[in-house]
Each structure stands twice: as C-alpha cells, then as structure tokens.
Amino acid sequence: MFAYANIARLARDERWFQVLTRKTRQMKKTLIAAPSAFLILLACTAGSDAKDEAAANAAASAQSGAVFATAETVAVGTANADAADDPAIWRNPADPAASLIVGTDKKAGLYVYGLDGSKRDFIDAGRVNNVDLRDDVNIQGKPGILVAASDRGDKAQAKIALFRLDPASGRLSAIGKVDAGAGEAYGLCLYRSGAGIHAFIVLKDGTIHQVALDLKGAKPAGTIVRTMKLDTQSEGCAVDERTGKLYVAEEDVGLWRFDARANAPITPHAVAKVDGARLVADAEGVAIAPVGATGGYVLVSSQGDNSYAAYRLSDDSFAGRFKIARGSLGSTEETDGIDLVAGDFGPAFPGGLFVAQDGKNEAGAQNFKLVAWSDVAALLGK
C-alpha cells in the first residue's frame, strides 16, 4: 500500500512523477479490489509493544499468507534515494552457511553480503540495475563464479558489466563490459545452455536482447543472437534452465513467457495479467522456484501492494500470494528485485533462501531481507 510519507522520497527519484501517478492509481485499485489487504497491513504495523506485534503477526499469517524475514543486509550506501534494486544468490555447496548474496545499489555499484547480512565487499561499478550470477563458468580459462549486471551508465547504449566473485574472500573483480544494443539497460538475467552462457538484457522500452557471452579472451565479448519485444516498460526476468523458459515482467501489464533457446520463435505467451488483485502494478522482480524435474513456481514481486504472487510453472495457474510482514525485523515494501535458490543454506535456511529488496527500510537506506524458502513453500503447499 502506498504511503503518502513516501512522496518526498519518490520526488527525489528520476521517475518521481510516473511513480507517484502509478502508485496513486494502484492504491485506489487495491482498496476496491482487496480491502482486506488494507486492514491486514494496518494490523501488521499497528502494534507498538511485543504483545501487539505478536498478535499482528498472527493475524497476517492467518489472513494474508505472511512470512517473516529472519535476517537482513546492512543498508546500501546511497541514502534517501531509490537505490537498492536486485539481489543474486550464490550457494556454497561445500559450506552452505558461507553462501553469499550480491546486491545492486543502482546509484553506485555492487555489494556482497554474507547470510548474516554483513557486508563482505563493495565495488564501485556505477549505475548497475539488475544482477544475476552463475557458478562453474569458464572465465578466461579458469572456472569461476560469473556475476553480470545491467549497466545504465550510458542511457543511449546498453551494456552488460561482468565480474568474477571470489567465494573465499567474497570479493568482486571486474572482467569488463559487453555492448548490448541501443537503449537504456534495465533488467538482466543469465541462461546457461550446455557449455554456453547467454544474458538476456531487458531495455527500459521492453526490448529484450539475447546476448551470447564469450569469456575466453582477456576481454569479454558478446553477440546479440536474438531480439524480442514487449510493448511497454519492462524489467525483471528469470530463466527456468530445466525447461528453457524465459519469464519477463512488463510492469503495468503482467508476466510473459518466452522460449529461451536462441533459435526459437520470439512470440511471448501471457502467464499473468496485472489485475489489481493477484498482481498489482508494478510487476517487478521475477524468480524461479523449482520443484522436481519440471514443477514449481515463478514468483513476481507485486510492488503496488507490497506482496509476491506465485504461478505454477506447469500450467501458469495462480498458486497464491504472500507478504513479508513485520516481525522481529521490518516488513518489505515496494520490492524491486527478488531471488530464490533452493537447497541447504545451513542452520538458518536449511530449505532454501528467498531474498527481496526492501524499498522502505525502517533503518534508513534501502536493503535486502532474507526469508526461509521453506516458510513460503509451506504456504504454497509444496
């Protein structure tokens, strides 16, 4: 639910007018379509002591499918601005509790966090917006963890900024940048196909370029092998590599699915519409929750009402929605990017990790909240 206290912050953002107009419209839609959500939000934030907070948490869990963050990252360095945007999770198979999270400060660069939320590294990478990573990638002849980010430094020419993540130190080192077509870079996700690595770069106008990355030489290279198009502003994307399906969120329209193969048709297939109830504009971050060989969910951050919608990968049907409510840590609002990785992450997250950007972190600058995926899966029935 949009709060008028956010107007000053939105006014500082480069898109303040568009965001303010959109959020006002979304507030009206939400009050009409889902008044209970408004009451639930009030219940979740009303309590001032521990007893009231516990009651609010219980009410949210019972009525809206709420989960609670059990850890959060330190805030990004850019204060009083819409700065934190997108996370990417690396799971350490040898020591799951030593896994890492990479997050963007889209005004300044990339952070690396531990699962306790502490800062492990920051690299001045400029205006990087979305981020993704892949393990065991051949980088300049050596296997490593590849981190890719959409680079908005030049709004006329999209670029993909590439980095190597050192799992031992948690530090990032720059590899170089790859041209990704004319236009402003916005969303980004990676796709491993056999031995090859492709990046999908989503431009702000809805153009989607599929870029084949060549990391063998001293400088990285990229080739645009295919272009797709959505009609309006789009950003979040994720690939289900089990089935070769690409999911892209068109902010005011809904969620779309493409065939991710480079030689496949470019026709989009509608998965979910922005309807003001299940999915409220903006539709932002996208993540895949795999179950078994082909099952599971695609998750979308429903930014307009501070929640997350889940759709079944098997048939695109609606599976449910949930909020990250106020508990021992704060709730999340106006989430941009999300990420999810299943599997063991140690004692704190034994059933997988879900990370969401928090657009209104109570402590000050924006940050990222960490949630046990098993808590979400229990709500969805898997």
Protein backbone atom coordinates (compact mmCIF):
# COMPACT_ATOMS: atom_id res chain seq x y z
CA MET A 1 0.00 0.00 0.00
CA PHE A 2 1.45 3.32 -0.99
CA ALA A 3 2.11 5.70 1.90
CA TYR A 4 2.00 9.46 1.41
CA ALA A 5 5.15 9.72 3.51
CA ASN A 6 6.97 8.27 0.53
CA ILE A 7 6.20 11.26 -1.70
CA ALA A 8 9.36 13.12 -0.71
CA ARG A 9 11.49 10.08 -1.46
CA LEU A 10 9.75 9.43 -4.75
CA ALA A 11 10.23 13.04 -5.76
CA ARG A 12 13.97 12.55 -5.49
CA ASP A 13 13.85 9.63 -7.87
CA GLU A 14 14.31 10.29 -11.57
CA ARG A 15 10.90 8.72 -12.26
CA TRP A 16 9.08 10.52 -9.45
CA PHE A 17 6.13 11.78 -11.49
CA GLN A 18 5.43 8.49 -13.22
CA VAL A 19 5.81 6.54 -9.98
CA LEU A 20 3.60 8.92 -7.99
CA THR A 21 0.85 8.75 -10.60
CA ARG A 22 1.04 4.97 -10.84
CA LYS A 23 1.09 4.41 -7.07
CA THR A 24 -1.94 6.64 -6.52
CA ARG A 25 -3.84 4.63 -9.11
CA GLN A 26 -2.70 1.38 -7.52
CA MET A 27 -3.86 2.48 -4.05
CA LYS A 28 -7.37 3.08 -5.38
CA LYS A 29 -7.42 -0.29 -7.14
CA THR A 30 -6.22 -2.15 -4.06
CA LEU A 31 -8.78 -0.55 -1.75
CA ILE A 32 -11.56 -1.52 -4.16
CA ALA A 33 -10.35 -4.98 -5.15
CA ALA A 34 -8.85 -6.16 -1.87
CA PRO A 35 -9.91 -4.09 1.14
CA SER A 36 -8.86 -6.91 3.46
CA ALA A 37 -5.26 -6.36 2.37
CA PHE A 38 -5.51 -2.81 3.66
CA LEU A 39 -6.81 -3.99 7.01
CA ILE A 40 -4.11 -6.63 7.22
CA LEU A 41 -1.40 -4.05 6.56
CA LEU A 42 -2.79 -1.86 9.31
CA ALA A 43 -2.85 -4.82 11.68
CA CYS A 44 0.74 -5.66 10.84
CA THR A 45 2.00 -2.16 11.62
CA ALA A 46 -0.26 -1.04 14.45
CA GLY A 47 1.31 -2.82 17.44
CA SER A 48 3.84 -0.84 19.46
CA ASP A 49 4.77 -3.47 22.04
CA ALA A 50 5.73 -7.13 21.79
CA LYS A 51 2.23 -8.40 22.54
CA ASP A 52 0.58 -6.27 19.88
CA GLU A 53 3.31 -7.19 17.38
CA ALA A 54 2.79 -10.91 18.00
CA ALA A 55 -0.97 -10.51 17.51
CA ALA A 56 -0.42 -8.59 14.27
CA ASN A 57 1.98 -11.25 13.01
CA ALA A 58 -0.52 -13.99 13.78
CA ALA A 59 -3.32 -12.10 12.03
CA ALA A 60 -1.17 -11.54 8.95
CA SER A 61 -0.14 -15.19 8.81
CA ALA A 62 -3.71 -16.40 9.11
CA GLN A 63 -5.31 -14.00 6.68
CA SER A 64 -2.78 -13.00 4.06
CA GLY A 65 -0.17 -15.72 3.92
CA ALA A 66 2.57 -13.76 5.66
CA VAL A 67 6.15 -14.82 6.21
CA PHE A 68 8.85 -13.06 8.19
CA ALA A 69 12.43 -12.11 7.45
CA THR A 70 14.95 -13.76 9.75
CA ALA A 71 17.93 -11.72 8.55
CA GLU A 72 18.59 -8.54 6.60
CA THR A 73 21.57 -6.97 4.91
CA VAL A 74 23.18 -3.77 6.02
CA ALA A 75 21.75 -0.86 4.07
CA VAL A 76 23.28 0.25 0.80
CA GLY A 77 25.46 3.34 0.93
CA THR A 78 23.14 5.62 -1.06
CA ALA A 79 20.73 7.13 1.47
CA ASN A 80 17.45 8.97 0.88
CA ALA A 81 17.03 7.53 -2.60
CA ASP A 82 15.58 4.62 -4.52
CA ALA A 83 18.92 2.83 -4.64
CA ALA A 84 18.93 -0.87 -3.70
CA ASP A 85 17.38 -2.88 -6.50
CA ASP A 86 18.17 -6.51 -7.24
CA PRO A 87 19.81 -9.48 -5.45
CA ALA A 88 21.51 -12.63 -6.73
CA ILE A 89 22.31 -15.62 -4.52
CA TRP A 90 25.36 -17.87 -4.66
CA ARG A 91 25.01 -21.14 -2.74
CA ASN A 92 28.28 -22.57 -1.43
CA PRO A 93 27.93 -26.35 -1.93
CA ALA A 94 30.89 -27.13 0.32
CA ASP A 95 29.80 -24.88 3.19
CA PRO A 96 26.18 -23.72 2.71
CA ALA A 97 26.29 -21.32 5.66
CA ALA A 98 29.14 -19.49 3.90
CA SER A 99 26.96 -18.68 0.87
CA LEU A 100 26.88 -15.13 -0.49
CA ILE A 101 24.41 -12.58 -1.81
CA VAL A 102 25.26 -9.95 -4.43
CA GLY A 103 23.04 -6.87 -4.43
CA THR A 104 22.90 -3.70 -6.51
CA ASP A 105 22.98 -0.10 -5.40
CA LYS A 106 21.81 1.29 -8.70
CA LYS A 107 23.36 4.67 -7.94
CA ALA A 108 26.80 3.36 -7.02
CA GLY A 109 27.75 -0.29 -7.56
CA LEU A 110 27.60 -3.85 -6.25
CA TYR A 111 27.62 -5.19 -2.70
CA VAL A 112 28.47 -8.68 -1.48
CA TYR A 113 26.80 -9.87 1.73
CA GLY A 114 27.06 -12.90 3.97
CA LEU A 115 23.95 -14.77 5.14
CA ASP A 116 24.13 -12.78 8.38
CA GLY A 117 23.62 -9.63 6.30
CA SER A 118 27.11 -8.27 6.89
CA LYS A 119 28.95 -6.52 4.07
CA ARG A 120 31.74 -8.59 2.59
CA ASP A 121 32.64 -6.30 -0.29
CA PHE A 122 31.61 -3.29 -2.35
CA ILE A 123 32.82 -2.49 -5.83
CA ASP A 124 32.28 0.89 -7.45
CA ALA A 125 30.52 -0.27 -10.60
CA GLY A 126 28.43 2.82 -11.29
CA ARG A 127 24.75 2.66 -12.26
CA VAL A 128 24.14 -1.10 -12.29
CA ASN A 129 20.48 -2.06 -12.03
CA ASN A 130 19.79 -5.83 -12.14
CA VAL A 131 22.22 -8.61 -11.31
CA ASP A 132 22.49 -12.37 -11.83
CA LEU A 133 25.23 -14.99 -11.42
CA ARG A 134 26.26 -18.49 -12.42
CA ASP A 135 28.74 -20.87 -10.82
CA ASP A 136 31.34 -23.04 -12.55
CA VAL A 137 31.70 -20.81 -15.62
CA ASN A 138 34.88 -20.88 -17.71
CA ILE A 139 36.24 -17.35 -17.31
CA GLN A 140 39.49 -16.64 -19.16
CA GLY A 141 40.41 -20.31 -18.98
CA LYS A 142 39.59 -20.83 -15.30
CA PRO A 143 36.31 -21.95 -13.70
CA GLY A 144 34.69 -19.35 -11.51
CA ILE A 145 31.55 -17.56 -10.41
CA LEU A 146 30.33 -15.15 -13.09
CA VAL A 147 28.37 -12.08 -11.96
CA ALA A 148 26.58 -9.99 -14.60
CA ALA A 149 24.78 -6.67 -14.14
CA SER A 150 22.81 -4.38 -16.41
CA ASP A 151 24.81 -1.17 -16.79
CA ARG A 152 22.80 2.06 -17.15
CA GLY A 153 25.79 4.39 -17.23
CA ASP A 154 25.04 5.29 -20.84
CA LYS A 155 21.29 5.57 -21.34
CA ALA A 156 21.73 5.54 -25.12
CA GLN A 157 23.81 2.36 -25.23
CA ALA A 158 23.07 -0.64 -23.04
CA LYS A 159 25.98 -2.58 -21.60
CA ILE A 160 26.46 -5.70 -19.50
CA ALA A 161 29.05 -5.33 -16.75
CA LEU A 162 30.82 -8.61 -15.89
CA PHE A 163 32.63 -9.61 -12.70
CA ARG A 164 34.23 -12.62 -11.05
CA LEU A 165 33.20 -13.44 -7.47
CA ASP A 166 35.84 -14.99 -5.22
CA PRO A 167 33.97 -17.39 -2.89
CA ALA A 168 36.69 -17.40 -0.24
CA SER A 169 37.10 -13.66 0.25
CA GLY A 170 33.68 -12.61 -1.00
CA ARG A 171 35.30 -10.00 -3.22
CA LEU A 172 34.33 -8.98 -6.74
CA SER A 173 36.77 -8.21 -9.53
CA ALA A 174 35.77 -6.57 -12.79
CA ILE A 175 36.18 -8.55 -16.01
CA GLY A 176 34.90 -5.95 -18.44
CA LYS A 177 31.79 -4.72 -20.22
CA VAL A 178 29.90 -6.01 -23.24
CA ASP A 179 27.77 -3.93 -25.61
CA ALA A 180 24.09 -4.94 -25.51
CA GLY A 181 22.35 -2.75 -28.09
CA ALA A 182 20.98 0.78 -28.37
CA GLY A 183 18.78 1.89 -25.48
CA GLU A 184 18.79 2.07 -21.68
CA ALA A 185 19.73 -1.16 -19.89
CA TYR A 186 17.26 -2.15 -17.19
CA GLY A 187 16.59 -5.82 -16.40
CA LEU A 188 19.02 -8.73 -16.74
CA CYS A 189 19.15 -12.48 -16.21
CA LEU A 190 21.55 -15.24 -17.22
CA TYR A 191 20.87 -18.50 -19.05
CA ARG A 192 23.20 -21.48 -19.19
CA SER A 193 22.62 -23.61 -22.27
CA GLY A 194 25.03 -26.53 -22.49
CA ALA A 195 28.50 -25.06 -22.27
CA GLY A 196 27.34 -21.60 -23.34
CA ILE A 197 26.26 -18.62 -21.23
CA HIS A 198 23.69 -16.16 -22.53
CA ALA A 199 22.48 -12.91 -20.95
CA PHE A 200 19.00 -11.54 -21.52
CA ILE A 201 19.19 -7.76 -21.28
CA VAL A 202 15.80 -6.07 -20.88
CA LEU A 203 15.81 -2.49 -22.10
CA LYS A 204 13.57 0.06 -20.46
CA ASP A 205 11.27 0.25 -23.51
CA GLY A 206 10.51 -3.50 -23.40
CA THR A 207 13.11 -4.64 -25.94
CA ILE A 208 14.85 -7.86 -24.91
CA HIS A 209 18.20 -8.79 -26.43
CA GLN A 210 19.63 -12.27 -26.03
CA VAL A 211 23.41 -11.90 -25.86
CA ALA A 212 25.79 -14.85 -26.24
CA LEU A 213 28.79 -14.19 -23.98
CA ASP A 214 32.36 -15.08 -24.92
CA LEU A 215 34.58 -15.11 -21.84
CA LYS A 216 37.61 -16.94 -23.22
CA GLY A 217 39.80 -13.95 -24.06
CA ALA A 218 41.42 -11.23 -21.99
CA LYS A 219 38.41 -9.02 -22.73
CA PRO A 220 34.84 -10.37 -22.74
CA ALA A 221 32.77 -10.19 -25.89
CA GLY A 222 29.11 -10.56 -26.67
CA THR A 223 26.91 -11.13 -29.70
CA ILE A 224 23.21 -10.32 -29.90
CA VAL A 225 21.71 -13.53 -31.27
CA ARG A 226 18.02 -12.71 -30.96
CA THR A 227 15.70 -9.81 -30.09
CA MET A 228 12.22 -9.93 -28.57
CA LYS A 229 9.82 -7.11 -27.70
CA LEU A 230 7.18 -6.21 -25.15
CA ASP A 231 5.12 -3.08 -25.67
CA THR A 232 5.91 -1.04 -22.57
CA GLN A 233 8.41 -0.63 -19.72
CA SER A 234 9.76 -3.99 -18.55
CA GLU A 235 12.47 -5.08 -16.16
CA GLY A 236 12.55 -8.27 -14.08
CA CYS A 237 13.40 -11.57 -15.74
CA ALA A 238 14.46 -15.11 -14.87
CA VAL A 239 15.11 -18.34 -16.78
CA ASP A 240 14.00 -21.83 -15.80
CA GLU A 241 17.01 -23.69 -17.16
CA ARG A 242 15.34 -27.08 -16.68
CA THR A 243 12.78 -26.26 -19.37
CA GLY A 244 14.48 -23.44 -21.26
CA LYS A 245 11.74 -20.89 -20.50
CA LEU A 246 12.33 -17.16 -20.02
CA TYR A 247 9.94 -15.13 -17.84
CA VAL A 248 9.79 -11.33 -18.14
CA ALA A 249 7.68 -8.83 -16.18
CA GLU A 250 6.09 -5.96 -18.10
CA GLU A 251 5.47 -3.55 -15.26
CA ASP A 252 1.94 -2.29 -15.94
CA VAL A 253 0.77 -5.28 -17.99
CA GLY A 254 1.85 -8.59 -16.48
CA LEU A 255 4.16 -11.58 -16.70
CA TRP A 256 5.19 -13.13 -20.04
CA ARG A 257 6.94 -16.34 -21.05
CA PHE A 258 9.32 -16.84 -23.99
CA ASP A 259 11.26 -19.81 -25.26
CA ALA A 260 14.83 -19.09 -24.14
CA ARG A 261 16.53 -21.06 -26.92
CA ALA A 262 18.45 -18.85 -29.33
CA ASN A 263 16.84 -20.46 -32.40
CA ALA A 264 13.28 -20.45 -31.05
CA PRO A 265 10.35 -18.24 -32.07
CA ILE A 266 10.14 -14.85 -30.35
CA THR A 267 6.40 -14.89 -29.62
CA PRO A 268 5.52 -14.05 -25.99
CA HIS A 269 2.92 -16.07 -24.09
CA ALA A 270 0.90 -14.42 -21.32
CA VAL A 271 1.29 -16.00 -17.89
CA ALA A 272 -0.44 -13.47 -15.62
CA LYS A 273 -2.08 -10.08 -16.03
CA VAL A 274 -1.75 -7.09 -13.76
CA ASP A 275 -5.30 -7.21 -12.40
CA GLY A 276 -5.12 -5.08 -9.26
CA ALA A 277 -5.82 -8.09 -7.04
CA ARG A 278 -3.48 -11.03 -7.56
CA LEU A 279 -0.82 -8.93 -9.28
CA VAL A 280 -0.70 -5.17 -8.69
CA ALA A 281 1.45 -2.86 -10.81
CA ASP A 282 4.32 -2.53 -10.87
CA ALA A 283 5.14 -6.16 -11.65
CA GLU A 284 8.85 -6.08 -10.88
CA GLY A 285 11.26 -8.81 -9.77
CA VAL A 286 10.99 -12.38 -11.10
CA ALA A 287 12.39 -15.60 -9.62
CA ILE A 288 12.05 -19.33 -10.31
CA ALA A 289 11.19 -21.78 -7.52
CA PRO A 290 11.98 -25.24 -8.91
CA VAL A 291 10.25 -28.38 -7.62
CA GLY A 292 11.28 -31.70 -9.11
CA ALA A 293 12.21 -32.10 -12.77
CA THR A 294 9.83 -29.51 -14.23
CA GLY A 295 7.45 -28.32 -11.50
CA GLY A 296 7.47 -25.41 -9.10
CA TYR A 297 6.59 -21.75 -9.33
CA VAL A 298 7.52 -18.47 -10.92
CA LEU A 299 7.39 -15.65 -8.37
CA VAL A 300 6.74 -11.99 -9.17
CA SER A 301 7.01 -9.02 -6.82
CA SER A 302 3.62 -7.29 -6.82
CA GLN A 303 5.08 -3.92 -5.97
CA GLY A 304 1.82 -1.97 -5.81
CA ASP A 305 0.56 -3.81 -2.72
CA ASN A 306 3.86 -4.94 -1.18
CA SER A 307 3.35 -8.64 -1.85
CA TYR A 308 4.58 -11.51 -4.01
CA ALA A 309 2.50 -13.61 -6.40
CA ALA A 310 3.24 -17.22 -7.33
CA TYR A 311 2.18 -19.02 -10.52
CA ARG A 312 2.64 -22.71 -11.28
CA LEU A 313 5.23 -23.45 -13.92
CA SER A 314 3.26 -26.47 -15.09
CA ASP A 315 0.20 -24.60 -16.37
CA ASP A 316 0.59 -20.88 -15.47
CA SER A 317 -2.21 -21.16 -12.89
CA PHE A 318 -2.27 -18.88 -9.86
CA ALA A 319 -0.82 -20.65 -6.81
CA GLY A 320 -1.05 -17.97 -4.13
CA ARG A 321 0.46 -14.79 -2.80
CA PHE A 322 2.26 -13.72 0.35
CA LYS A 323 3.76 -10.75 2.14
CA ILE A 324 6.93 -10.33 4.16
CA ALA A 325 5.30 -8.90 7.28
CA ARG A 326 6.73 -7.04 10.24
CA GLY A 327 8.18 -9.43 12.79
CA SER A 328 11.46 -9.28 14.69
CA LEU A 329 12.66 -7.44 11.58
CA GLY A 330 10.75 -5.00 9.43
CA SER A 331 8.38 -5.81 6.59
CA THR A 332 9.16 -5.19 2.92
CA GLU A 333 7.55 -2.50 0.80
CA GLU A 334 7.69 -1.63 -2.91
CA THR A 335 10.02 -4.52 -3.72
CA ASP A 336 12.01 -4.30 -6.93
CA GLY A 337 14.23 -7.36 -7.34
CA ILE A 338 13.90 -10.83 -5.81
CA ASP A 339 15.90 -14.05 -5.99
CA LEU A 340 15.43 -17.59 -4.78
CA VAL A 341 17.71 -20.61 -4.57
CA ALA A 342 16.52 -23.96 -3.25
CA GLY A 343 18.70 -26.32 -1.24
CA ASP A 344 20.56 -26.29 2.05
CA PHE A 345 21.93 -22.94 3.22
CA GLY A 346 22.95 -24.10 6.69
CA PRO A 347 21.10 -23.92 10.01
CA ALA A 348 19.42 -20.58 9.32
CA PHE A 349 17.97 -21.55 5.92
CA PRO A 350 18.01 -25.36 5.61
CA GLY A 351 15.24 -25.46 2.99
CA GLY A 352 16.40 -22.70 0.66
CA LEU A 353 16.72 -18.91 0.62
CA PHE A 354 14.42 -16.17 -0.69
CA VAL A 355 15.80 -12.61 -0.85
CA ALA A 356 13.75 -9.47 -1.54
CA GLN A 357 14.73 -5.83 -1.91
CA ASP A 358 13.06 -3.58 0.64
CA GLY A 359 12.10 -0.23 -0.82
CA LYS A 360 11.34 1.35 2.56
CA ASN A 361 13.82 0.02 5.08
CA GLU A 362 12.95 1.37 8.51
CA ALA A 363 16.59 1.83 9.49
CA GLY A 364 17.25 4.35 6.72
CA ALA A 365 18.67 3.49 3.32
CA GLN A 366 17.19 0.56 1.42
CA ASN A 367 18.39 -3.00 1.95
CA PHE A 368 17.54 -6.66 1.30
CA LYS A 369 15.51 -9.01 3.51
CA LEU A 370 16.26 -12.76 3.85
CA VAL A 371 13.43 -15.28 4.26
CA ALA A 372 13.49 -19.06 4.72
CA TRP A 373 12.11 -20.51 1.49
CA SER A 374 10.56 -23.39 3.45
CA ASP A 375 8.21 -20.87 5.09
CA VAL A 376 6.98 -19.68 1.69
CA ALA A 377 6.78 -23.20 0.28
CA ALA A 378 4.59 -24.26 3.21
CA LEU A 379 2.10 -21.51 2.32
CA LEU A 380 2.05 -22.59 -1.32
CA GLY A 381 1.59 -26.23 -0.43
CA LYS A 382 4.96 -27.59 -1.56
